[in-house]
Amino acid sequence: MTVTAKLDGEGIAVDREVSEAKAARIMGIIFDSENSKVSGTPSQELEEGSESSNGSEEATEEYKTLPDSFFSRITQRQKAYVEILLEADGWLSNEEIRRQLEDDYDLNCGGPQAISGIRSGFTRKYGKGFSVDERDWMGDQNQYRLNEQYREEIEEYWN
């Protein structure tokens, strides 16, 4: 079962689905008055069990095809994001992707950093060697498109 964790504050709005175990660790950190004594770095503290050190794919591995576990580990937001990129004809702005996530998939984005959060989930799972998309700066915001080397594989699986 997943839990939705929300963090709102001045200049930040994050809405992310996490496992129950991760939610419990987050709550422990939030309500721990001795936060400075938490062992390890915050990112290590919030990772899924032992998966943070050896559960993800090799960080330096280059992916010629999608990781074996891609479709079984994809979150609802990641799936919607990939579907939007798959259906697009070229680059989409951060704003357009967020609009489609909200309008077409009924997913609350919480602001411009929503896409960064979705993308970082792929990096956490598969390392920096995997990019399901391409990113470029366009004027005042990022734009994204599907990494063409995965298009056929994704279409084949979802069709």
C-alpha atoms as a PDB file:
ATOM      1  CA  MET A   1       0.000   0.000   0.000  1.00  0.00           C
ATOM      2  CA  THR A   2       1.227   3.509  -0.766  1.00  0.00           C
ATOM      3  CA  VAL A   3       0.779   6.638   1.281  1.00  0.00           C
ATOM      4  CA  THR A   4       0.716  10.178  -0.091  1.00  0.00           C
ATOM      5  CA  ALA A   5       3.219  12.409   1.668  1.00  0.00           C
ATOM      6  CA  LYS A   6       2.635  16.159   1.329  1.00  0.00           C
ATOM      7  CA  LEU A   7       5.059  18.900   2.259  1.00  0.00           C
ATOM      8  CA  ASP A   8       3.932  22.509   1.959  1.00  0.00           C
ATOM      9  CA  GLY A   9       5.841  25.589   2.936  1.00  0.00           C
ATOM     10  CA  GLU A  10       7.074  28.928   1.720  1.00  0.00           C
ATOM     11  CA  GLY A  11       8.299  28.347  -1.823  1.00  0.00           C
ATOM     12  CA  ILE A  12       7.860  24.556  -1.700  1.00  0.00           C
ATOM     13  CA  ALA A  13       5.044  22.150  -2.416  1.00  0.00           C
ATOM     14  CA  VAL A  14       5.707  18.422  -2.704  1.00  0.00           C
ATOM     15  CA  ASP A  15       3.121  15.688  -3.104  1.00  0.00           C
ATOM     16  CA  ARG A  16       4.591  12.202  -3.482  1.00  0.00           C
ATOM     17  CA  GLU A  17       3.454   8.623  -3.081  1.00  0.00           C
ATOM     18  CA  VAL A  18       5.664   6.604  -0.727  1.00  0.00           C
ATOM     19  CA  SER A  19       5.506   3.196   0.900  1.00  0.00           C
ATOM     20  CA  GLU A  20       4.117   2.795   4.409  1.00  0.00           C
ATOM     21  CA  ALA A  21       7.608   1.977   5.688  1.00  0.00           C
ATOM     22  CA  LYS A  22       9.084   5.146   4.194  1.00  0.00           C
ATOM     23  CA  ALA A  23       6.166   7.207   5.548  1.00  0.00           C
ATOM     24  CA  ALA A  24       6.823   5.844   9.039  1.00  0.00           C
ATOM     25  CA  ARG A  25      10.528   6.780   8.760  1.00  0.00           C
ATOM     26  CA  ILE A  26       9.607  10.272   7.522  1.00  0.00           C
ATOM     27  CA  MET A  27       7.248  10.767  10.465  1.00  0.00           C
ATOM     28  CA  GLY A  28       9.951   9.534  12.830  1.00  0.00           C
ATOM     29  CA  ILE A  29      12.379  12.099  11.477  1.00  0.00           C
ATOM     30  CA  ILE A  30       9.810  14.919  11.513  1.00  0.00           C
ATOM     31  CA  PHE A  31       8.820  14.361  15.137  1.00  0.00           C
ATOM     32  CA  ASP A  32      12.286  13.462  16.418  1.00  0.00           C
ATOM     33  CA  SER A  33      13.555  16.386  18.498  1.00  0.00           C
ATOM     34  CA  GLU A  34      17.037  14.929  18.157  1.00  0.00           C
ATOM     35  CA  ASN A  35      17.067  15.159  14.312  1.00  0.00           C
ATOM     36  CA  SER A  36      20.721  16.095  14.313  1.00  0.00           C
ATOM     37  CA  LYS A  37      21.502  12.651  15.762  1.00  0.00           C
ATOM     38  CA  VAL A  38      19.825  10.705  12.924  1.00  0.00           C
ATOM     39  CA  SER A  39      22.355   8.238  11.587  1.00  0.00           C
ATOM     40  CA  GLY A  40      23.446   8.543   7.979  1.00  0.00           C
ATOM     41  CA  THR A  41      22.498  11.253   5.546  1.00  0.00           C
ATOM     42  CA  PRO A  42      18.874  12.264   5.146  1.00  0.00           C
ATOM     43  CA  SER A  43      18.657  10.559   1.747  1.00  0.00           C
ATOM     44  CA  GLN A  44      19.957   7.331   3.248  1.00  0.00           C
ATOM     45  CA  GLU A  45      17.500   7.622   6.108  1.00  0.00           C
ATOM     46  CA  LEU A  46      14.527   7.909   3.740  1.00  0.00           C
ATOM     47  CA  GLU A  47      15.435   5.202   1.237  1.00  0.00           C
ATOM     48  CA  GLU A  48      13.471   1.960   1.114  1.00  0.00           C
ATOM     49  CA  GLY A  49      15.126  -0.455   3.562  1.00  0.00           C
ATOM     50  CA  SER A  50      18.396  -1.872   2.232  1.00  0.00           C
ATOM     51  CA  GLU A  51      17.386  -1.012  -1.323  1.00  0.00           C
ATOM     52  CA  SER A  52      19.286   2.271  -1.162  1.00  0.00           C
ATOM     53  CA  SER A  53      22.643   0.543  -1.205  1.00  0.00           C
ATOM     54  CA  ASN A  54      22.072  -2.506  -3.374  1.00  0.00           C
ATOM     55  CA  GLY A  55      18.439  -2.695  -4.531  1.00  0.00           C
ATOM     56  CA  SER A  56      18.734  -0.227  -7.384  1.00  0.00           C
ATOM     57  CA  GLU A  57      20.467  -0.888 -10.662  1.00  0.00           C
ATOM     58  CA  GLU A  58      24.157  -0.007 -10.938  1.00  0.00           C
ATOM     59  CA  ALA A  59      24.449   3.803 -10.945  1.00  0.00           C
ATOM     60  CA  THR A  60      27.029   3.893 -13.712  1.00  0.00           C
ATOM     61  CA  GLU A  61      25.298   1.358 -15.966  1.00  0.00           C
ATOM     62  CA  GLU A  62      24.262   2.643 -19.377  1.00  0.00           C
ATOM     63  CA  TYR A  63      20.843   1.389 -20.437  1.00  0.00           C
ATOM     64  CA  LYS A  64      20.340   0.349 -24.036  1.00  0.00           C
ATOM     65  CA  THR A  65      16.873  -0.990 -23.148  1.00  0.00           C
ATOM     66  CA  LEU A  66      14.524  -0.268 -20.272  1.00  0.00           C
ATOM     67  CA  PRO A  67      15.545  -1.795 -16.925  1.00  0.00           C
ATOM     68  CA  ASP A  68      13.931  -5.192 -16.362  1.00  0.00           C
ATOM     69  CA  SER A  69      11.855  -3.895 -13.458  1.00  0.00           C
ATOM     70  CA  PHE A  70      10.758  -0.644 -15.159  1.00  0.00           C
ATOM     71  CA  PHE A  71       7.074  -1.472 -15.655  1.00  0.00           C
ATOM     72  CA  SER A  72       6.663  -3.259 -12.332  1.00  0.00           C
ATOM     73  CA  ARG A  73       8.196  -0.398 -10.320  1.00  0.00           C
ATOM     74  CA  ILE A  74       6.717   2.618 -12.114  1.00  0.00           C
ATOM     75  CA  THR A  75       4.497   4.840  -9.956  1.00  0.00           C
ATOM     76  CA  GLN A  76       1.162   6.295 -11.031  1.00  0.00           C
ATOM     77  CA  ARG A  77       2.754   9.734 -11.567  1.00  0.00           C
ATOM     78  CA  GLN A  78       5.706   8.311 -13.477  1.00  0.00           C
ATOM     79  CA  LYS A  79       3.380   6.292 -15.713  1.00  0.00           C
ATOM     80  CA  ALA A  80       1.264   9.361 -16.471  1.00  0.00           C
ATOM     81  CA  TYR A  81       4.417  11.401 -17.160  1.00  0.00           C
ATOM     82  CA  VAL A  82       5.790   8.777 -19.568  1.00  0.00           C
ATOM     83  CA  GLU A  83       2.390   8.460 -21.289  1.00  0.00           C
ATOM     84  CA  ILE A  84       2.240  12.231 -21.797  1.00  0.00           C
ATOM     85  CA  LEU A  85       5.728  12.236 -23.322  1.00  0.00           C
ATOM     86  CA  LEU A  86       4.893   9.187 -25.438  1.00  0.00           C
ATOM     87  CA  GLU A  87       1.834  10.908 -26.933  1.00  0.00           C
ATOM     88  CA  ALA A  88       3.611  14.225 -27.502  1.00  0.00           C
ATOM     89  CA  ASP A  89       4.988  15.273 -30.842  1.00  0.00           C
ATOM     90  CA  GLY A  90       8.307  16.742 -29.708  1.00  0.00           C
ATOM     91  CA  TRP A  91       9.154  18.839 -26.671  1.00  0.00           C
ATOM     92  CA  LEU A  92       6.654  19.732 -23.932  1.00  0.00           C
ATOM     93  CA  SER A  93       7.139  22.511 -21.396  1.00  0.00           C
ATOM     94  CA  ASN A  94       7.132  21.841 -17.668  1.00  0.00           C
ATOM     95  CA  GLU A  95       3.927  23.858 -17.454  1.00  0.00           C
ATOM     96  CA  GLU A  96       2.180  21.848 -20.206  1.00  0.00           C
ATOM     97  CA  ILE A  97       3.121  18.517 -18.626  1.00  0.00           C
ATOM     98  CA  ARG A  98       1.837  19.654 -15.230  1.00  0.00           C
ATOM     99  CA  ARG A  99      -1.397  20.872 -16.837  1.00  0.00           C
ATOM    100  CA  GLN A 100      -1.918  17.486 -18.501  1.00  0.00           C
ATOM    101  CA  LEU A 101      -1.108  15.622 -15.275  1.00  0.00           C
ATOM    102  CA  GLU A 102      -3.793  17.631 -13.489  1.00  0.00           C
ATOM    103  CA  ASP A 103      -6.409  17.826 -16.261  1.00  0.00           C
ATOM    104  CA  ASP A 104      -6.032  14.459 -17.981  1.00  0.00           C
ATOM    105  CA  TYR A 105      -4.842  12.267 -15.091  1.00  0.00           C
ATOM    106  CA  ASP A 106      -6.369  14.096 -12.095  1.00  0.00           C
ATOM    107  CA  LEU A 107      -2.966  14.230 -10.365  1.00  0.00           C
ATOM    108  CA  ASN A 108      -2.206  17.240  -8.166  1.00  0.00           C
ATOM    109  CA  CYS A 109       1.241  18.512  -9.129  1.00  0.00           C
ATOM    110  CA  GLY A 110       1.975  21.049  -6.417  1.00  0.00           C
ATOM    111  CA  GLY A 111       4.142  23.373  -8.507  1.00  0.00           C
ATOM    112  CA  PRO A 112       7.033  23.611 -10.945  1.00  0.00           C
ATOM    113  CA  GLN A 113       9.196  21.103  -9.043  1.00  0.00           C
ATOM    114  CA  ALA A 114       6.696  18.287  -9.631  1.00  0.00           C
ATOM    115  CA  ILE A 115       8.486  17.074 -12.765  1.00  0.00           C
ATOM    116  CA  SER A 116      11.828  17.100 -10.963  1.00  0.00           C
ATOM    117  CA  GLY A 117      10.307  14.863  -8.304  1.00  0.00           C
ATOM    118  CA  ILE A 118       8.951  12.436 -10.876  1.00  0.00           C
ATOM    119  CA  ARG A 119      12.292  12.319 -12.693  1.00  0.00           C
ATOM    120  CA  SER A 120      14.298  11.869  -9.482  1.00  0.00           C
ATOM    121  CA  GLY A 121      12.283   8.723  -8.759  1.00  0.00           C
ATOM    122  CA  PHE A 122      13.745   7.128 -11.882  1.00  0.00           C
ATOM    123  CA  THR A 123      17.259   8.136 -10.812  1.00  0.00           C
ATOM    124  CA  ARG A 124      16.747   6.695  -7.312  1.00  0.00           C
ATOM    125  CA  LYS A 125      15.574   3.398  -8.785  1.00  0.00           C
ATOM    126  CA  TYR A 126      18.018   3.004 -11.664  1.00  0.00           C
ATOM    127  CA  GLY A 127      20.919   5.415 -11.138  1.00  0.00           C
ATOM    128  CA  LYS A 128      22.185   8.307 -13.210  1.00  0.00           C
ATOM    129  CA  GLY A 129      22.841   6.081 -16.233  1.00  0.00           C
ATOM    130  CA  PHE A 130      19.110   5.840 -16.976  1.00  0.00           C
ATOM    131  CA  SER A 131      17.071   8.644 -18.559  1.00  0.00           C
ATOM    132  CA  VAL A 132      13.585   7.809 -19.782  1.00  0.00           C
ATOM    133  CA  ASP A 133      13.385  11.390 -21.043  1.00  0.00           C
ATOM    134  CA  GLU A 134      15.474  14.265 -22.342  1.00  0.00           C
ATOM    135  CA  ARG A 135      15.481  17.721 -20.766  1.00  0.00           C
ATOM    136  CA  ASP A 136      16.351  21.119 -22.210  1.00  0.00           C
ATOM    137  CA  TRP A 137      15.985  24.711 -20.997  1.00  0.00           C
ATOM    138  CA  MET A 138      13.394  26.760 -22.888  1.00  0.00           C
ATOM    139  CA  GLY A 139      13.207  30.452 -21.987  1.00  0.00           C
ATOM    140  CA  ASP A 140      12.048  30.446 -18.385  1.00  0.00           C
ATOM    141  CA  GLN A 141      11.390  26.737 -17.816  1.00  0.00           C
ATOM    142  CA  ASN A 142      12.511  23.233 -18.688  1.00  0.00           C
ATOM    143  CA  GLN A 143      11.059  21.259 -21.544  1.00  0.00           C
ATOM    144  CA  TYR A 144      11.003  17.480 -21.855  1.00  0.00           C
ATOM    145  CA  ARG A 145      10.572  14.747 -24.438  1.00  0.00           C
ATOM    146  CA  LEU A 146      10.685  10.973 -24.353  1.00  0.00           C
ATOM    147  CA  ASN A 147      14.096   9.388 -24.864  1.00  0.00           C
ATOM    148  CA  GLU A 148      13.598   7.922 -28.338  1.00  0.00           C
ATOM    149  CA  GLN A 149      15.657   4.814 -27.598  1.00  0.00           C
ATOM    150  CA  TYR A 150      12.845   3.605 -25.298  1.00  0.00           C
ATOM    151  CA  ARG A 151       9.804   4.659 -27.368  1.00  0.00           C
ATOM    152  CA  GLU A 152       9.268   1.364 -29.207  1.00  0.00           C
ATOM    153  CA  GLU A 153       9.742  -0.710 -26.054  1.00  0.00           C
ATOM    154  CA  ILE A 154       7.221   1.400 -24.107  1.00  0.00           C
ATOM    155  CA  GLU A 155       4.667   1.409 -26.931  1.00  0.00           C
ATOM    156  CA  GLU A 156       5.007  -2.354 -27.323  1.00  0.00           C
ATOM    157  CA  TYR A 157       4.467  -3.004 -23.619  1.00  0.00           C
ATOM    158  CA  TRP A 158       1.478  -0.629 -23.232  1.00  0.00           C
ATOM    159  CA  ASN A 159      -0.249  -1.567 -26.497  1.00  0.00           C
END
